[in-house]
């Protein structure tokens, strides 16, 4: 996993420029983190691909130069909902209420692109007495089904659905997966432009925070793009949207943006001012942090194993999958805990650990719990207290 520092001939998917600083290579990672594997053998045989992370010196956008969208197959076995967590559910409800109150979304029509199993769309529908329709290519059948009073269309949203009215269009944790974000947003704009005042709501991981905090486990194959506030604002303007609000959310882990479609053909979006030396310095430090964290965690877990002690991971989402695959084999960690009931009993893509319920810890008695996302620390502590357990928590 060597850091790379060179010029790229591949253009930035946001601004189209070719002034790319490539700084991190991670070979052969699972191409999909959240697929549910029913056996360890199947999990270990998960399809893999390379990550070559580049940073655009013009607009500050980051993307995976080795990304191949053809290897990504989103099926009903893909499960990434976070709504089993009370902490996340509270956050989602707060966002839904804010959108409803800010834009008067009551008795209105809502579209949720990439709605998953429909939890957020149902919040918007219920809290504002709205009408909801979701678009989800993997469908709503199978282990990820949600029993909610909404219609989910098993297809990609496009101009063919322009006749469907929408006062609010949501697109949460989808844009970073899209191989052509410019044409994707332009298509949404053309589809909703007939509805006067329709609002687009976007939510993506915050790449600037990822770099600054050294959140190395956030780098996964299925994320083609890593947006900063600058690159998100530029992309929306380039695609004909007028930005109404952009902000950090979920304790700085996400960027949210709200915009209306208001194309001005005569106006060309200008790229943000980027301090090239600074972004290169931060990116290089991130690559070094990635190497260092892997080395430290391998050493610490090997020492723990030598002492006859055990550790588990709490969080079988993308961060946990990235972390466990970076560690490699040798039985350093055998289990991953997750509160998502649909994941329990399944196995981690690429690494093969079994996903278990929190109650499993009463019998397994680990010495350390590695929290993959510290934002859930209070929630984890509450689970442990209810189980009568006192286990050391560590954020790797």
Foldseek 3Di string as FASTA:
>chain_A
DAFDFDFACAADLQPRHRRKTWTAKDAWAALAFQFFFQALVVQQVHGTGMFTWIAHQFFGKIFGPRADLVVDDDALRGDDDPCLFPLVVVQLLVVLVCVCVVQVQAQEEEEEFQCQQPPSQLSNCVVRVYAYEYEHLNDQDDLRHDPGPHHYHNHGDFLVQLVDAHQEYEYEANLQQDPNNLVVLLRVQVSHVVHPNRKYKYKHFAVVCCLVVLLVLVDHRSRRIHDHPRSVCLRQVQSQWDWDDWDAGPVRGMIMTMTHRHHDVVDHRHHDDGPSVVSVVSSNVSNVSNVVVLVVVLVVLVVCVVVVAAEEEEDSGSSVLSNLQSNDAPCSHAEYEYSPPSNASTATRSRRHHYHYLLVCVVVVGQEYAYSDCSCVVVVVVSCVVNVHDHHYHHD
